[in-house]
Each structure stands twice: as structure tokens, then as C-alpha cells.
Protein backbone atom coordinates (compact mmCIF):
# COMPACT_ATOMS: atom_id res chain seq x y z
CA MET A 1 16.33 6.91 2.96
CA SER A 2 14.06 7.71 5.92
CA HIS A 3 11.28 5.76 6.45
CA LEU A 4 7.86 6.29 5.37
CA ILE A 5 4.58 6.72 6.89
CA ALA A 6 1.41 5.12 5.29
CA PRO A 7 -2.45 5.76 7.00
CA SER A 8 -4.43 3.24 6.58
CA ILE A 9 -7.83 4.36 5.37
CA LEU A 10 -9.51 1.40 6.59
CA ALA A 11 -9.90 3.44 10.34
CA ALA A 12 -10.98 6.68 8.36
CA ASP A 13 -14.32 8.26 8.49
CA PHE A 14 -16.16 6.78 5.66
CA GLY A 15 -18.85 9.16 6.03
CA ASN A 16 -15.93 11.93 5.02
CA LEU A 17 -13.58 9.88 3.00
CA GLN A 18 -13.08 12.97 0.86
CA ARG A 19 -12.02 14.73 3.90
CA ASP A 20 -9.84 12.10 5.28
CA ILE A 21 -7.91 11.56 2.11
CA GLU A 22 -6.98 15.54 2.07
CA MET A 23 -5.98 15.23 5.20
CA ILE A 24 -3.27 12.55 4.30
CA ASN A 25 -2.41 15.04 1.47
CA ASN A 26 -1.99 17.80 3.43
CA SER A 27 0.32 15.87 5.46
CA GLU A 28 3.64 14.43 5.80
CA ALA A 29 2.49 10.82 4.87
CA ASP A 30 4.02 8.64 2.06
CA TRP A 31 1.66 6.79 1.04
CA ILE A 32 -2.47 5.54 1.68
CA HIS A 33 -2.84 2.38 2.74
CA VAL A 34 -5.43 0.95 1.69
CA ASP A 35 -6.41 -2.55 3.04
CA VAL A 36 -8.71 -4.86 0.29
CA MET A 37 -10.53 -7.73 2.76
CA ASP A 38 -12.95 -10.59 1.02
CA GLY A 39 -14.96 -12.45 3.86
CA LEU A 40 -12.74 -15.27 3.19
CA PHE A 41 -9.07 -14.84 3.94
CA VAL A 42 -10.08 -13.06 6.85
CA PRO A 43 -13.30 -12.92 8.45
CA ASN A 44 -13.83 -9.05 7.64
CA ILE A 45 -15.10 -7.57 4.78
CA SER A 46 -14.07 -3.77 4.06
CA PHE A 47 -14.27 -2.65 0.43
CA GLY A 48 -13.12 -3.28 -3.17
CA VAL A 49 -12.15 -1.56 -6.36
CA PRO A 50 -15.12 0.96 -6.42
CA VAL A 51 -14.02 2.80 -2.92
CA ILE A 52 -10.57 2.54 -4.52
CA LYS A 53 -11.56 4.66 -7.28
CA ALA A 54 -13.12 7.22 -5.77
CA VAL A 55 -9.97 7.54 -3.21
CA GLN A 56 -8.09 7.47 -6.42
CA LYS A 57 -9.77 10.62 -7.94
CA HIS A 58 -8.86 12.78 -4.52
CA ALA A 59 -5.28 10.94 -3.41
CA LYS A 60 -2.11 12.73 -4.38
CA LYS A 61 0.04 10.15 -2.30
CA MET A 62 0.62 6.55 -4.29
CA LEU A 63 -2.24 4.24 -2.99
CA ASP A 64 -0.51 1.02 -1.53
CA VAL A 65 -3.08 -1.55 -1.58
CA HIS A 66 -2.62 -4.82 0.76
CA LEU A 67 -5.10 -7.32 -0.34
CA MET A 68 -6.56 -9.76 2.07
CA ILE A 69 -8.08 -11.79 -0.25
CA VAL A 70 -7.91 -15.59 -1.64
CA ASP A 71 -6.86 -16.56 -5.46
CA PRO A 72 -5.62 -12.59 -5.60
CA ASP A 73 -4.68 -13.24 -9.07
CA ARG A 74 -8.20 -12.75 -10.53
CA TYR A 75 -8.49 -9.12 -9.46
CA ILE A 76 -4.64 -7.85 -10.57
CA VAL A 77 -5.96 -6.09 -13.48
CA ASN A 78 -8.86 -4.47 -11.89
CA PHE A 79 -6.76 -2.99 -8.78
CA LYS A 80 -4.14 -1.52 -11.81
CA ASN A 81 -6.95 -0.34 -13.18
CA ALA A 82 -8.43 1.77 -10.17
CA GLY A 83 -5.11 3.13 -9.18
CA ALA A 84 -2.81 1.19 -7.13
CA GLY A 85 0.76 1.86 -7.39
CA LEU A 86 2.01 -1.13 -5.27
CA LEU A 87 0.19 -3.88 -4.51
CA THR A 88 0.93 -6.84 -1.57
CA VAL A 89 -0.55 -9.86 -1.92
CA HIS A 90 -0.40 -12.82 1.18
CA TYR A 91 1.91 -15.49 0.96
CA GLU A 92 -0.33 -17.33 2.78
CA ALA A 93 -3.24 -16.74 0.10
CA CYS A 94 -1.11 -17.60 -3.37
CA ASN A 95 -0.87 -20.83 -5.29
CA HIS A 96 1.59 -20.11 -6.82
CA LEU A 97 3.45 -16.98 -5.81
CA ASN A 98 6.09 -15.98 -8.45
CA ARG A 99 3.60 -16.03 -11.01
CA THR A 100 1.35 -13.96 -9.14
CA VAL A 101 4.62 -11.27 -8.50
CA GLN A 102 5.62 -11.35 -12.08
CA ALA A 103 1.24 -10.69 -13.23
CA ILE A 104 1.40 -7.69 -10.66
CA LYS A 105 4.74 -6.38 -12.49
CA ALA A 106 3.41 -6.57 -15.82
CA GLU A 107 0.98 -4.39 -15.34
CA GLY A 108 3.26 -1.76 -14.44
CA MET A 109 2.75 -1.75 -10.11
CA GLN A 110 5.53 -2.41 -7.42
CA ALA A 111 4.84 -6.30 -5.59
CA GLY A 112 4.90 -7.04 -2.46
CA VAL A 113 3.90 -10.14 -0.01
CA SER A 114 2.65 -10.09 3.18
CA LEU A 115 3.03 -12.69 5.68
CA ASN A 116 1.19 -13.36 8.40
CA PRO A 117 1.91 -13.36 12.68
CA HIS A 118 2.96 -17.11 12.41
CA THR A 119 4.71 -17.26 8.80
CA PRO A 120 8.68 -17.22 8.86
CA ILE A 121 10.77 -15.61 6.90
CA ALA A 122 12.17 -18.46 5.35
CA VAL A 123 9.50 -18.78 3.27
CA LEU A 124 10.45 -15.99 0.93
CA GLU A 125 14.27 -16.94 0.51
CA ASP A 126 13.32 -17.75 -3.12
CA ILE A 127 11.26 -14.61 -4.58
CA ILE A 128 12.99 -11.86 -2.09
CA LEU A 129 15.26 -10.24 -5.23
CA ASP A 130 11.44 -10.11 -7.37
CA LEU A 131 10.01 -8.23 -4.66
CA ASP A 132 9.85 -4.63 -3.58
CA LEU A 133 8.22 -4.48 -0.33
CA VAL A 134 7.77 -7.42 2.40
CA LEU A 135 4.67 -6.55 4.52
CA LEU A 136 4.94 -8.15 8.25
CA MET A 137 1.53 -8.51 9.78
CA SER A 138 2.07 -7.07 13.66
CA VAL A 139 -1.45 -8.12 14.62
CA ASN A 140 -3.62 -11.13 13.08
CA PRO A 141 -5.14 -9.85 9.58
CA GLY A 142 -8.55 -9.21 10.12
CA PHE A 143 -9.84 -6.11 12.22
CA GLY A 144 -8.34 -2.68 13.06
CA GLY A 145 -7.17 -1.75 16.28
CA GLN A 146 -5.24 -4.90 17.64
CA GLN A 147 -3.01 -5.61 20.11
CA PHE A 148 1.11 -5.26 18.54
CA ILE A 149 2.96 -8.72 18.53
CA GLU A 150 6.00 -8.53 20.25
CA ASN A 151 7.83 -11.32 17.88
CA THR A 152 7.39 -8.81 15.11
CA TYR A 153 10.99 -7.42 15.94
CA LYS A 154 12.78 -10.50 15.68
CA LYS A 155 10.89 -11.27 12.32
CA ILE A 156 12.21 -7.68 11.12
CA ILE A 157 15.74 -8.26 12.35
CA GLN A 158 15.47 -11.93 10.17
CA LEU A 159 13.83 -10.28 7.07
CA ARG A 160 16.35 -7.34 7.21
CA ASP A 161 19.11 -9.71 7.50
CA LEU A 162 17.72 -11.88 4.26
CA ILE A 163 17.03 -8.70 2.37
CA ASP A 164 20.71 -7.66 2.80
CA LYS A 165 22.28 -10.61 2.58
CA SER A 166 20.70 -11.41 -0.90
CA GLY A 167 20.98 -7.83 -2.47
CA SER A 168 17.00 -7.39 -2.68
CA LYS A 169 15.82 -3.41 -2.86
CA ALA A 170 12.42 -4.66 -0.83
CA LEU A 171 11.14 -2.72 1.88
CA ILE A 172 10.00 -3.98 4.86
CA GLU A 173 6.57 -2.49 5.97
CA ILE A 174 5.02 -3.11 9.06
CA ASP A 175 1.03 -3.54 9.71
CA GLY A 176 -0.91 -3.76 12.70
CA GLY A 177 -1.00 -1.66 16.23
CA VAL A 178 2.01 0.89 15.43
CA THR A 179 1.79 3.78 17.43
CA ASP A 180 4.24 6.45 18.71
CA LYS A 181 5.41 3.84 21.64
CA ASN A 182 6.65 1.01 19.48
CA ALA A 183 7.50 2.99 16.05
CA HIS A 184 11.47 3.94 17.18
CA LYS A 185 11.79 0.08 17.99
CA LEU A 186 10.40 -0.81 14.53
CA LEU A 187 12.50 1.59 13.01
CA THR A 188 15.95 0.40 14.83
CA ALA A 189 14.89 -3.10 13.88
CA GLY A 190 15.19 -2.39 10.26
CA ALA A 191 11.46 -1.47 9.24
CA ASP A 192 11.39 1.03 6.23
CA VAL A 193 7.66 1.80 5.93
CA LEU A 194 4.83 1.69 9.16
CA VAL A 195 1.40 1.81 8.63
CA ALA A 196 -0.80 3.65 11.07
CA GLY A 197 -4.90 3.23 11.39
CA SER A 198 -6.46 3.65 14.26
CA PHE A 199 -3.27 5.51 15.93
CA VAL A 200 -3.78 8.31 13.30
CA PHE A 201 -7.19 8.71 12.66
CA LYS A 202 -8.75 8.40 16.20
CA SER A 203 -6.03 11.13 17.63
CA GLU A 204 -6.70 14.42 18.41
CA ASN A 205 -5.06 16.23 15.53
CA PRO A 206 -4.01 13.42 12.60
CA ILE A 207 -2.10 15.67 10.82
CA GLN A 208 0.51 16.14 13.89
CA THR A 209 0.44 12.39 14.99
CA ILE A 210 1.54 11.68 11.22
CA ALA A 211 4.39 14.13 11.49
CA GLU A 212 5.74 12.57 14.98
CA LEU A 213 5.51 9.21 13.21
CA LYS A 214 7.22 10.57 10.43
CA ASN A 215 10.05 12.27 12.55
CA PHE A 216 11.61 9.42 14.51
């Protein structure tokens, strides 16, 4: 399978959100990445269910919803009803990760787990077979436009090895600091899905930028 591109609407123009969603619809992007932050798990606050419902009204691509929130179990049904097709929770935010993953799947969504930059791949050994996606944070979560963390390549290689040896079907998604300068190296290391926010939305021609990322 060729790799997937998921532009992050955290970097979109919220005064022109419909326009930016329609741009993604008309591009070669595969998913729409939606970062939900609560001001507790991460320092920032982004947006919640009402904005995702508004996005879903115009979206023609799957909503890839990334929860950077504490106790995500409280909101699984809400995000399903808002239109999430894939729901990713943070390993660091879940007391009972297996239960959370099963609850996501019970609502008919794909289930992902995200790891912060300092969290080792080994913590996923007992749950990798249940996952549809693993999201590796290549910056510290909470803010857009950060510097890419170089240790990410090593973690992708370790995760690819775990997935291949276990027989898991999980995709590897990279979120943070993705540009045309590191996309090829990320894909070569084993990434399947690239999230790009500022790099897409701050470019002169976002549709062309998405096409370039897609066609590495």
C-alpha cells in the first residue's frame, strides 16, 4: 500500500474552516487529522465535539481524531457521534488501555494509540495485535510548528519490527514536524501515515504541497 497523508486542521484558518476542509477534499490527502487538546494532558486547548461535527459536515475524507486528553473513555461515544472514523488515545493518558481500545472498537471506529517522544515502543507489546494504528509523536504534544525529534527514526524501526514479528496490521503514523525534508526518511524507516499541519497550511499552494508529500 502507498503511504497516506493526513493534513492536521490544527494549523488551518479557523475563520475559513469550511474553505480549508474543501481544499483537503480536493487534494490527494487521505484523511483529515483532528487534534483534540484539553489543557490538562497537554498545555494547550484546541477544540472539541462541536467543531468536529462542523468539520464532518463538509469532510469527504475520514476523520482521524487524535485525543490529547486525560481520561478519554468519557468521550468515546461523543467522538463517534461527531464523525470520527479512527480514534487515537495516548498510552500515557489511559489507566486501562485495553479496555479503552475495546470501547473504541465497540463503537465501530478504528482504534489507535499514541506514544509521546519519551515513551518506549516496548509498552505496546501486549496490545499491538488489537490496534489499527500507532501514532508516534515526533514532537512533544500540545503545540504546532515544533522542531522534529531525530530519535523518531529509531522508534519507527523498532515499532515496524514489533508489528512485523507480531503479525499486527497496525499502521504507523507520524505527527509533528513532518516536511518534505524528512518525509522520505520517515517512509523508508517504516512509516505508513504522515500528519502535516503547518507545513501544508502555511505553504503557498497547500494542494501542491499535499501532492508532493503523497508522491514521495
